[in-house]
Amino acid sequence: MVYTNMRKVATKKNYKILVDKDKRTFVDGKLYFPLGSYMNSITDLDINNFTGSPFNLMVSYPMLDKKQLDYVYTKSNGQIRVINNFSPAVTYSKDNAVLEEKLNWAKARIEEWKTSNGLFGYYMADEPGVSILPSLSAATWAIRDNDENHIAWPAVNQRFILGKLKEGFDVVGIPDYPVQTFDDLQSVWIVAEQGRKRMGNTRAMWNIPQIFDWTVYNKTEKLDWSKEFAPTEVQLKNMVYQTIVGGAMGIIYYDYSEVVTMDYKAKFTTEWEKIKKVTKELKDNYVDIIYSNAKTNKGYKLPLFTGVNKDNYLGWRMFRKNNKDYILIVNVRNVATTYKFTKPSTATLKKIDGKSTYTDTNNVITIALQAMDVMWFEGTDTNFTSDESKYSTPNIKSEFVEANAIDNEDLGDFPELPTTPEDPSNPPINDQSDATYGIIVVVLAFAALLIL
């Protein structure tokens, strides 16, 4: 069973930032594909690195005040906005006095930040458990009631609780890491696919691929550090498109600051160019296709490869734009495989991305799919038309770097970050007090697969 809570508003609202029923993001009425990264700190150098890049967002762990939010936006010539740390607004406490205190704090911050051009949204919580829902939901409704122009976005790593937790946010990011100790990265796609289904496809996902060498945490975790390294370009591209075939409509990397920290092992300049290259390819070539909500062509018959038999993990997703069909196929494993699907007899098909080869025999497409390959097909079917005038499918490639010229010569240095004292009534939001719930659901899900 999937449910959601709704409220009826007295009048229709005009939202500055909006996520529509097709999970697409709009800013000032224009389609906007979120591309960002977590930041442990923000300096002038960081802002300069983002300016002119494919990115348009930062998720700030440090809580920025309005002056700092404005600074990021102005310094980047209007390109970069911030999803600002809002986690002190939520708590696991059930004490009404604590909940009221949190809500009052939330409303004060909303009033302070909401007029900043640099604010994109509120970072609600970092890997919360389900018992935080009452407070999370209250904080999100405080945003909706007092600042209709910005979104509430948490990172939720326990995908099996998303069916309940979805009532506490507008959009969600699903992380899956560390991943580099494994030959296969299919879990990135699995958590996206399963998380989306748990929410009944009712919330947009801006998912969270790992971009750095996990060795940065070698003093706090026990892993075989000899196997840890920064994702290769092939791995990074594979993870990005795994999230897309899983249903993601935005990408927030984790995280830029750790890439900087790991410069001693993997040069930051090299890693940053790699990250920008993969992201720019997505932005320039595919986001306008991904954001098209035109009716897709059901004449293509693509088998579902769900991994039930443990060797056929494969993700695919179809799109249609400008009277052309687009098929994204991602081998989510580091193992070559063969995949077959059927195209309409009236369709012609060509590969526009990917290293794998394919044959077309009597409209049966057989792909010799290389390990971890990402393939895009473009098709034209003379027997299928969709009335695209009913759909909004503008080209949005340039939305990321076109910005109004802003005079930022006299801004000075980035305003000093404030220190936020620890609040004993507000335990860390990555508390795993509800982890047992996820484990139980995993066991039940596995048992169900065995029965099937």
Protein backbone atom coordinates (compact mmCIF):
# COMPACT_ATOMS: atom_id res chain seq x y z
CA MET A 1 0.00 0.00 0.00
CA VAL A 2 1.26 3.46 -0.91
CA TYR A 3 -0.28 6.62 0.47
CA THR A 4 0.49 10.30 0.79
CA ASN A 5 -0.88 13.25 2.74
CA MET A 6 -2.16 16.35 0.95
CA ARG A 7 -3.42 19.78 1.90
CA LYS A 8 -5.75 22.00 -0.06
CA VAL A 9 -4.50 25.55 -0.50
CA ALA A 10 -6.84 28.52 -0.63
CA THR A 11 -5.38 29.92 -3.86
CA LYS A 12 -3.13 28.66 -6.63
CA LYS A 13 0.50 29.45 -5.92
CA ASN A 14 3.20 30.49 -8.33
CA TYR A 15 6.33 28.65 -7.28
CA LYS A 16 9.83 29.94 -7.99
CA ILE A 17 11.19 26.39 -7.67
CA LEU A 18 8.81 23.58 -8.54
CA VAL A 19 8.98 19.80 -8.96
CA ASP A 20 6.13 18.66 -11.20
CA LYS A 21 4.20 15.38 -11.40
CA ASP A 22 6.78 14.02 -13.85
CA LYS A 23 9.53 14.62 -11.23
CA ARG A 24 11.06 17.43 -13.30
CA THR A 25 12.44 20.53 -11.59
CA PHE A 26 11.56 24.04 -12.74
CA VAL A 27 13.19 27.31 -11.71
CA ASP A 28 11.36 30.49 -12.68
CA GLY A 29 9.26 28.45 -15.10
CA LYS A 30 12.26 26.92 -16.90
CA LEU A 31 13.30 23.28 -16.71
CA TYR A 32 16.33 22.82 -14.47
CA PHE A 33 18.29 19.59 -14.01
CA PRO A 34 19.94 19.57 -10.55
CA LEU A 35 23.68 18.84 -10.73
CA GLY A 36 25.53 19.38 -7.49
CA SER A 37 27.90 18.14 -4.83
CA TYR A 38 28.16 18.03 -1.08
CA MET A 39 30.59 20.54 0.46
CA ASN A 40 32.35 20.20 3.82
CA SER A 41 33.39 23.83 3.48
CA ILE A 42 33.08 26.54 0.87
CA THR A 43 35.90 28.87 -0.16
CA ASP A 44 36.41 31.36 -2.96
CA LEU A 45 38.51 28.75 -4.74
CA ASP A 46 35.67 26.23 -4.53
CA ILE A 47 33.19 28.73 -5.92
CA ASN A 48 35.59 29.54 -8.76
CA ASN A 49 35.96 25.82 -9.54
CA PHE A 50 32.18 25.47 -9.81
CA THR A 51 31.65 28.63 -11.84
CA GLY A 52 31.64 27.78 -15.53
CA SER A 53 31.44 24.06 -14.73
CA PRO A 54 28.41 21.86 -15.51
CA PHE A 55 27.22 22.25 -11.90
CA ASN A 56 24.43 24.44 -10.56
CA LEU A 57 24.16 23.36 -6.89
CA MET A 58 26.11 22.91 -3.68
CA VAL A 59 24.85 21.00 -0.65
CA SER A 60 26.46 22.75 2.30
CA TYR A 61 27.21 20.88 5.51
CA PRO A 62 28.17 24.18 7.18
CA MET A 63 25.02 26.19 7.80
CA LEU A 64 25.28 29.38 5.75
CA ASP A 65 23.60 32.61 6.77
CA LYS A 66 21.82 34.83 4.26
CA LYS A 67 24.92 36.90 3.58
CA GLN A 68 26.89 33.77 2.71
CA LEU A 69 24.10 32.35 0.55
CA ASP A 70 23.96 35.61 -1.37
CA TYR A 71 27.74 35.56 -1.71
CA VAL A 72 27.85 32.11 -3.34
CA TYR A 73 25.20 33.12 -5.87
CA THR A 74 26.78 36.47 -6.70
CA LYS A 75 30.37 35.21 -6.77
CA SER A 76 29.35 32.47 -9.24
CA ASN A 77 27.58 34.98 -11.52
CA GLY A 78 24.21 33.53 -10.59
CA GLN A 79 25.16 29.96 -11.50
CA ILE A 80 25.41 28.24 -8.11
CA ARG A 81 22.67 27.94 -5.51
CA VAL A 82 22.83 26.15 -2.17
CA ILE A 83 20.82 23.43 -0.45
CA ASN A 84 21.56 24.66 3.07
CA ASN A 85 22.01 22.57 6.21
CA PHE A 86 18.68 22.56 8.04
CA SER A 87 19.19 19.44 10.16
CA PRO A 88 18.93 21.22 13.56
CA ALA A 89 15.24 21.65 12.71
CA VAL A 90 14.57 17.93 13.18
CA THR A 91 14.95 15.62 16.15
CA TYR A 92 14.28 12.08 17.31
CA SER A 93 12.93 13.47 20.57
CA LYS A 94 9.25 12.89 21.36
CA ASP A 95 9.18 15.67 23.94
CA ASN A 96 6.62 18.28 22.86
CA ALA A 97 8.68 21.12 24.28
CA VAL A 98 11.71 20.03 22.25
CA LEU A 99 9.61 19.62 19.12
CA GLU A 100 8.17 23.10 19.56
CA GLU A 101 11.63 24.55 20.12
CA LYS A 102 12.85 22.91 16.92
CA LEU A 103 9.89 24.23 14.97
CA ASN A 104 10.43 27.76 16.24
CA TRP A 105 14.10 27.52 15.24
CA ALA A 106 13.06 26.28 11.79
CA LYS A 107 10.64 29.15 11.21
CA ALA A 108 13.28 31.70 12.22
CA ARG A 109 15.83 30.25 9.78
CA ILE A 110 13.23 30.11 7.00
CA GLU A 111 12.46 33.79 7.48
CA GLU A 112 16.17 34.61 7.44
CA TRP A 113 17.09 32.64 4.33
CA LYS A 114 14.06 32.56 2.06
CA THR A 115 14.70 35.85 0.25
CA SER A 116 18.24 34.89 -0.74
CA ASN A 117 18.82 34.25 -4.44
CA GLY A 118 21.47 31.76 -3.36
CA LEU A 119 19.06 29.47 -1.53
CA PHE A 120 17.78 26.48 -3.49
CA GLY A 121 16.48 24.31 -0.68
CA TYR A 122 16.81 22.91 2.80
CA TYR A 123 18.98 19.91 3.66
CA MET A 124 16.63 18.21 6.10
CA ALA A 125 18.56 15.23 7.44
CA ASP A 126 21.55 13.00 6.79
CA GLU A 127 20.63 9.30 6.65
CA PRO A 128 17.78 9.44 9.21
CA GLY A 129 15.78 6.59 10.70
CA VAL A 130 12.03 6.26 10.38
CA SER A 131 11.32 7.39 13.95
CA ILE A 132 12.34 10.92 12.98
CA LEU A 133 9.30 11.21 10.68
CA PRO A 134 7.03 13.33 12.97
CA SER A 135 9.69 15.99 13.40
CA LEU A 136 10.87 15.74 9.77
CA SER A 137 7.33 16.14 8.49
CA ALA A 138 6.66 19.11 10.77
CA ALA A 139 9.82 20.85 9.56
CA THR A 140 8.93 20.22 5.92
CA TRP A 141 5.43 21.61 6.41
CA ALA A 142 6.97 24.66 8.07
CA ILE A 143 8.91 25.20 4.85
CA ARG A 144 5.86 24.65 2.66
CA ASP A 145 3.75 27.03 4.76
CA ASN A 146 6.36 29.77 5.09
CA ASP A 147 8.56 29.41 2.01
CA GLU A 148 6.77 27.89 -0.96
CA ASN A 149 9.67 28.71 -3.27
CA HIS A 150 12.27 26.23 -2.00
CA ILE A 151 12.46 22.46 -1.60
CA ALA A 152 13.03 20.09 1.32
CA TRP A 153 15.66 17.46 0.48
CA PRO A 154 17.22 14.80 2.77
CA ALA A 155 19.64 11.96 2.07
CA VAL A 156 18.03 8.61 2.98
CA ASN A 157 20.19 5.50 2.83
CA GLN A 158 17.60 3.06 4.24
CA ARG A 159 15.56 2.62 1.08
CA PHE A 160 13.01 0.28 2.64
CA ILE A 161 11.70 3.02 4.94
CA LEU A 162 11.08 5.46 2.10
CA GLY A 163 7.43 4.40 1.83
CA LYS A 164 6.86 6.01 5.21
CA LEU A 165 9.56 8.65 5.25
CA LYS A 166 8.39 10.21 1.96
CA GLU A 167 5.80 12.17 3.98
CA GLY A 168 8.67 14.21 5.39
CA PHE A 169 10.22 15.69 2.23
CA ASP A 170 9.62 17.04 -1.27
CA VAL A 171 12.58 15.39 -3.02
CA VAL A 172 15.07 12.77 -1.83
CA GLY A 173 18.64 11.69 -2.44
CA ILE A 174 19.49 8.00 -2.06
CA PRO A 175 23.18 7.32 -1.36
CA ASP A 176 24.97 4.03 -1.85
CA TYR A 177 28.58 3.77 -0.73
CA PRO A 178 31.32 2.78 -0.26
CA VAL A 179 31.39 0.91 -3.55
CA GLN A 180 35.01 0.63 -4.68
CA THR A 181 35.79 -2.53 -2.71
CA PHE A 182 33.47 -4.47 -5.01
CA ASP A 183 33.90 -5.54 -8.62
CA ASP A 184 30.26 -4.77 -9.33
CA LEU A 185 28.40 -1.54 -8.72
CA GLN A 186 24.88 -2.85 -9.28
CA SER A 187 23.76 -1.81 -5.80
CA VAL A 188 23.67 1.81 -7.01
CA TRP A 189 20.90 0.89 -9.44
CA ILE A 190 19.19 -1.48 -7.00
CA VAL A 191 18.76 1.12 -4.27
CA ALA A 192 17.45 3.67 -6.80
CA GLU A 193 14.98 1.21 -8.31
CA GLN A 194 13.78 -0.18 -4.99
CA GLY A 195 13.66 3.21 -3.30
CA ARG A 196 11.58 4.70 -6.10
CA LYS A 197 9.15 1.80 -5.95
CA ARG A 198 8.86 2.05 -2.15
CA MET A 199 7.67 5.62 -2.65
CA GLY A 200 5.22 4.52 -5.32
CA ASN A 201 7.05 6.81 -7.74
CA THR A 202 5.57 9.79 -5.86
CA ARG A 203 8.79 11.69 -5.15
CA ALA A 204 11.61 12.89 -7.37
CA MET A 205 15.07 11.50 -6.68
CA TRP A 206 18.33 13.40 -6.95
CA ASN A 207 20.60 10.51 -6.11
CA ILE A 208 24.08 10.54 -4.66
CA PRO A 209 27.00 8.75 -6.40
CA GLN A 210 30.40 8.51 -4.68
CA ILE A 211 33.21 10.44 -6.40
CA PHE A 212 36.19 10.10 -4.04
CA ASP A 213 38.57 7.56 -2.57
CA TRP A 214 37.01 6.15 0.61
CA THR A 215 40.49 5.95 2.14
CA VAL A 216 39.73 9.39 3.54
CA TYR A 217 37.86 7.52 6.29
CA ASN A 218 40.61 5.02 7.04
CA LYS A 219 40.86 6.11 10.67
CA THR A 220 37.19 5.50 11.40
CA GLU A 221 36.35 2.37 9.41
CA LYS A 222 37.86 -1.10 9.09
CA LEU A 223 38.19 -1.95 5.41
CA ASP A 224 40.86 -3.37 3.15
CA TRP A 225 42.27 0.00 2.18
CA SER A 226 44.48 -1.55 -0.50
CA LYS A 227 41.30 -1.99 -2.56
CA GLU A 228 40.13 1.59 -2.20
CA PHE A 229 40.62 4.17 -4.93
CA ALA A 230 38.77 7.01 -6.59
CA PRO A 231 36.18 5.85 -9.14
CA THR A 232 37.54 5.49 -12.63
CA GLU A 233 35.84 7.43 -15.40
CA VAL A 234 34.10 4.22 -16.49
CA GLN A 235 32.86 3.56 -12.95
CA LEU A 236 31.74 7.13 -12.43
CA LYS A 237 29.79 7.24 -15.68
CA ASN A 238 28.28 3.85 -14.92
CA MET A 239 27.10 4.95 -11.46
CA VAL A 240 25.62 8.20 -12.80
CA TYR A 241 23.55 6.39 -15.42
CA GLN A 242 22.59 3.62 -13.00
CA THR A 243 20.85 6.31 -10.98
CA ILE A 244 19.16 7.61 -14.14
CA VAL A 245 17.80 4.21 -15.22
CA GLY A 246 16.65 3.79 -11.61
CA GLY A 247 14.52 6.90 -12.01
CA ALA A 248 16.73 9.75 -10.76
CA MET A 249 15.99 13.21 -12.15
CA GLY A 250 19.06 14.93 -10.74
CA ILE A 251 22.56 14.11 -9.45
CA ILE A 252 24.20 15.26 -6.21
CA TYR A 253 27.73 13.89 -5.83
CA TYR A 254 29.33 12.91 -2.53
CA ASP A 255 31.55 14.83 -2.29
CA TYR A 256 33.76 17.56 -3.71
CA SER A 257 35.54 18.31 -0.42
CA GLU A 258 36.74 14.72 0.04
CA VAL A 259 38.18 14.81 -3.48
CA VAL A 260 40.16 17.85 -2.37
CA THR A 261 41.31 16.06 0.80
CA MET A 262 42.51 13.00 -1.14
CA ASP A 263 44.76 15.09 -3.40
CA TYR A 264 47.79 13.38 -1.84
CA LYS A 265 46.73 10.07 -3.41
CA ALA A 266 44.68 11.10 -6.45
CA LYS A 267 45.45 14.58 -7.76
CA PHE A 268 42.46 16.88 -7.32
CA THR A 269 42.93 18.59 -10.67
CA THR A 270 42.83 15.24 -12.48
CA GLU A 271 39.84 13.98 -10.51
CA TRP A 272 37.91 17.23 -10.90
CA GLU A 273 38.39 17.25 -14.67
CA LYS A 274 37.14 13.65 -14.81
CA ILE A 275 34.06 14.49 -12.75
CA LYS A 276 33.31 17.55 -14.87
CA LYS A 277 33.76 15.56 -18.09
CA VAL A 278 31.19 12.90 -17.11
CA THR A 279 28.80 15.55 -15.79
CA LYS A 280 29.16 17.77 -18.86
CA GLU A 281 28.41 14.84 -21.17
CA LEU A 282 25.21 14.21 -19.22
CA LYS A 283 24.28 17.88 -19.26
CA ASP A 284 25.09 18.57 -22.91
CA ASN A 285 23.80 15.38 -24.50
CA TYR A 286 21.08 13.81 -22.39
CA VAL A 287 19.34 15.91 -19.75
CA ASP A 288 16.89 17.39 -22.24
CA ILE A 289 16.01 13.83 -23.32
CA ILE A 290 15.67 12.61 -19.73
CA TYR A 291 13.41 15.55 -18.89
CA SER A 292 11.10 15.02 -21.86
CA ASN A 293 7.74 13.71 -20.67
CA ALA A 294 6.40 12.81 -24.10
CA LYS A 295 4.58 9.49 -24.38
CA THR A 296 7.05 6.69 -25.11
CA ASN A 297 6.73 4.14 -27.91
CA LYS A 298 5.34 0.85 -26.57
CA GLY A 299 6.32 -0.94 -29.78
CA TYR A 300 9.74 -1.70 -28.33
CA LYS A 301 9.75 -4.83 -26.18
CA LEU A 302 12.54 -4.75 -23.63
CA PRO A 303 12.72 -7.59 -21.09
CA LEU A 304 13.08 -6.63 -17.47
CA PHE A 305 16.39 -7.79 -16.04
CA THR A 306 15.84 -7.54 -12.31
CA GLY A 307 18.64 -9.73 -11.05
CA VAL A 308 16.27 -12.33 -9.59
CA ASN A 309 18.35 -15.16 -11.05
CA LYS A 310 21.51 -13.42 -9.78
CA ASP A 311 23.23 -12.98 -13.16
CA ASN A 312 21.08 -10.68 -15.23
CA TYR A 313 21.32 -7.31 -13.52
CA LEU A 314 20.66 -4.70 -16.18
CA GLY A 315 18.83 -1.40 -16.16
CA TRP A 316 17.04 0.36 -18.99
CA ARG A 317 14.79 3.37 -19.43
CA MET A 318 12.95 4.78 -22.44
CA PHE A 319 12.35 8.37 -23.49
CA ARG A 320 10.89 10.24 -26.45
CA LYS A 321 11.79 13.70 -27.71
CA ASN A 322 11.26 15.51 -31.01
CA ASN A 323 9.56 12.44 -32.54
CA LYS A 324 12.54 10.22 -31.82
CA ASP A 325 12.74 7.28 -29.43
CA TYR A 326 15.64 7.02 -26.99
CA ILE A 327 16.66 3.92 -25.05
CA LEU A 328 19.22 4.01 -22.25
CA ILE A 329 20.68 0.60 -21.37
CA VAL A 330 23.19 0.21 -18.53
CA ASN A 331 25.14 -2.92 -17.68
CA VAL A 332 25.30 -2.43 -13.92
CA ARG A 333 27.83 -5.22 -13.43
CA ASN A 334 31.51 -5.62 -14.21
CA VAL A 335 30.65 -8.71 -16.27
CA ALA A 336 29.95 -8.86 -20.00
CA THR A 337 26.51 -10.14 -20.94
CA THR A 338 24.13 -10.52 -23.87
CA TYR A 339 20.88 -8.61 -24.00
CA LYS A 340 18.10 -8.89 -26.56
CA PHE A 341 15.06 -6.76 -27.23
CA THR A 342 12.60 -6.30 -30.09
CA LYS A 343 12.00 -3.10 -32.01
CA PRO A 344 8.98 -2.25 -34.17
CA SER A 345 9.32 -3.38 -37.77
CA THR A 346 8.71 0.21 -38.86
CA ALA A 347 11.54 1.60 -36.73
CA THR A 348 15.16 2.27 -37.57
CA LEU A 349 17.63 2.26 -34.72
CA LYS A 350 21.17 3.55 -34.25
CA LYS A 351 23.64 3.61 -31.38
CA ILE A 352 24.61 7.10 -30.22
CA ASP A 353 26.73 6.17 -27.20
CA GLY A 354 28.45 3.09 -25.78
CA LYS A 355 31.32 0.76 -26.64
CA SER A 356 29.27 -2.42 -27.11
CA THR A 357 28.30 -3.84 -30.49
CA TYR A 358 24.89 -5.04 -31.61
CA THR A 359 23.12 -6.79 -34.48
CA ASP A 360 19.63 -6.30 -35.90
CA THR A 361 18.13 -9.55 -37.19
CA ASN A 362 14.46 -9.45 -38.16
CA ASN A 363 13.92 -6.59 -35.68
CA VAL A 364 15.58 -8.48 -32.82
CA ILE A 365 18.38 -6.37 -31.40
CA THR A 366 21.15 -8.48 -29.85
CA ILE A 367 23.73 -6.57 -27.84
CA ALA A 368 27.12 -7.97 -26.85
CA LEU A 369 27.07 -5.76 -23.78
CA GLN A 370 30.50 -5.00 -22.40
CA ALA A 371 31.12 -4.88 -18.67
CA MET A 372 29.80 -1.66 -17.10
CA ASP A 373 28.90 -0.18 -20.47
CA VAL A 374 26.39 2.65 -20.88
CA MET A 375 24.50 2.55 -24.19
CA TRP A 376 22.13 5.04 -25.77
CA PHE A 377 20.02 4.18 -28.83
CA GLU A 378 18.10 6.62 -30.99
CA GLY A 379 15.15 5.33 -33.00
CA THR A 380 12.74 6.64 -35.60
CA ASP A 381 9.42 4.83 -36.02
CA THR A 382 7.36 5.87 -39.05
CA ASN A 383 4.29 4.20 -37.55
CA PHE A 384 4.32 6.01 -34.19
CA THR A 385 3.59 9.60 -33.39
CA SER A 386 2.98 11.30 -30.09
CA ASP A 387 1.40 14.71 -29.76
CA GLU A 388 4.38 16.44 -28.23
CA SER A 389 2.52 19.73 -28.22
CA LYS A 390 0.86 18.41 -25.04
CA TYR A 391 4.21 18.01 -23.37
CA SER A 392 6.94 20.37 -22.30
CA THR A 393 10.17 19.25 -23.97
CA PRO A 394 12.38 22.31 -24.44
CA ASN A 395 16.09 21.95 -24.88
CA ILE A 396 17.68 22.79 -21.53
CA LYS A 397 21.37 22.25 -22.26
CA SER A 398 22.21 25.90 -21.66
CA GLU A 399 20.29 26.36 -18.43
CA PHE A 400 23.36 25.53 -16.36
CA VAL A 401 25.89 28.15 -17.40
CA GLU A 402 23.81 31.00 -18.79
CA ALA A 403 23.46 33.54 -16.01
CA ASN A 404 22.86 37.24 -15.78
CA ALA A 405 26.08 39.19 -15.57
CA ILE A 406 26.61 40.19 -11.96
CA ASP A 407 29.29 42.56 -10.77
CA ASN A 408 31.21 40.56 -8.19
CA GLU A 409 34.50 42.42 -8.25
CA ASP A 410 34.07 44.02 -4.82
CA LEU A 411 32.73 41.06 -2.88
CA GLY A 412 35.88 40.45 -0.89
CA ASP A 413 36.59 37.06 0.64
CA PHE A 414 33.92 34.50 1.46
CA PRO A 415 32.23 35.51 4.74
CA GLU A 416 33.55 33.53 7.69
CA LEU A 417 31.50 30.44 8.41
CA PRO A 418 29.64 30.53 11.72
CA THR A 419 30.12 27.79 14.27
CA THR A 420 27.00 25.95 15.34
CA PRO A 421 27.14 24.71 18.95
CA GLU A 422 26.09 21.15 19.53
CA ASP A 423 22.55 20.74 20.72
CA PRO A 424 22.28 17.84 23.20
CA SER A 425 18.58 17.49 22.46
CA ASN A 426 19.37 16.91 18.80
CA PRO A 427 21.45 13.74 18.31
CA PRO A 428 23.28 13.25 15.00
CA ILE A 429 20.84 12.81 12.14
CA ASN A 430 22.79 9.87 10.77
CA ASP A 431 21.77 7.93 13.87
CA GLN A 432 20.99 4.34 12.88
CA SER A 433 18.48 3.63 15.64
CA ASP A 434 16.08 2.32 13.03
CA ALA A 435 18.57 0.20 11.10
CA THR A 436 16.95 -3.00 12.35
CA TYR A 437 13.85 -2.10 10.38
CA GLY A 438 15.86 -2.07 7.16
CA ILE A 439 17.54 -5.38 8.00
CA ILE A 440 14.20 -7.05 8.70
CA VAL A 441 12.78 -5.81 5.41
CA VAL A 442 15.85 -7.02 3.52
CA VAL A 443 15.42 -10.49 5.00
CA LEU A 444 11.73 -10.54 4.15
CA ALA A 445 12.40 -9.32 0.61
CA PHE A 446 15.04 -12.01 0.09
CA ALA A 447 12.65 -14.65 1.40
CA ALA A 448 10.03 -13.44 -1.05
CA LEU A 449 12.48 -13.82 -3.92
CA LEU A 450 13.21 -17.37 -2.88
CA ILE A 451 9.49 -18.14 -2.86
CA LEU A 452 9.17 -16.67 -6.35
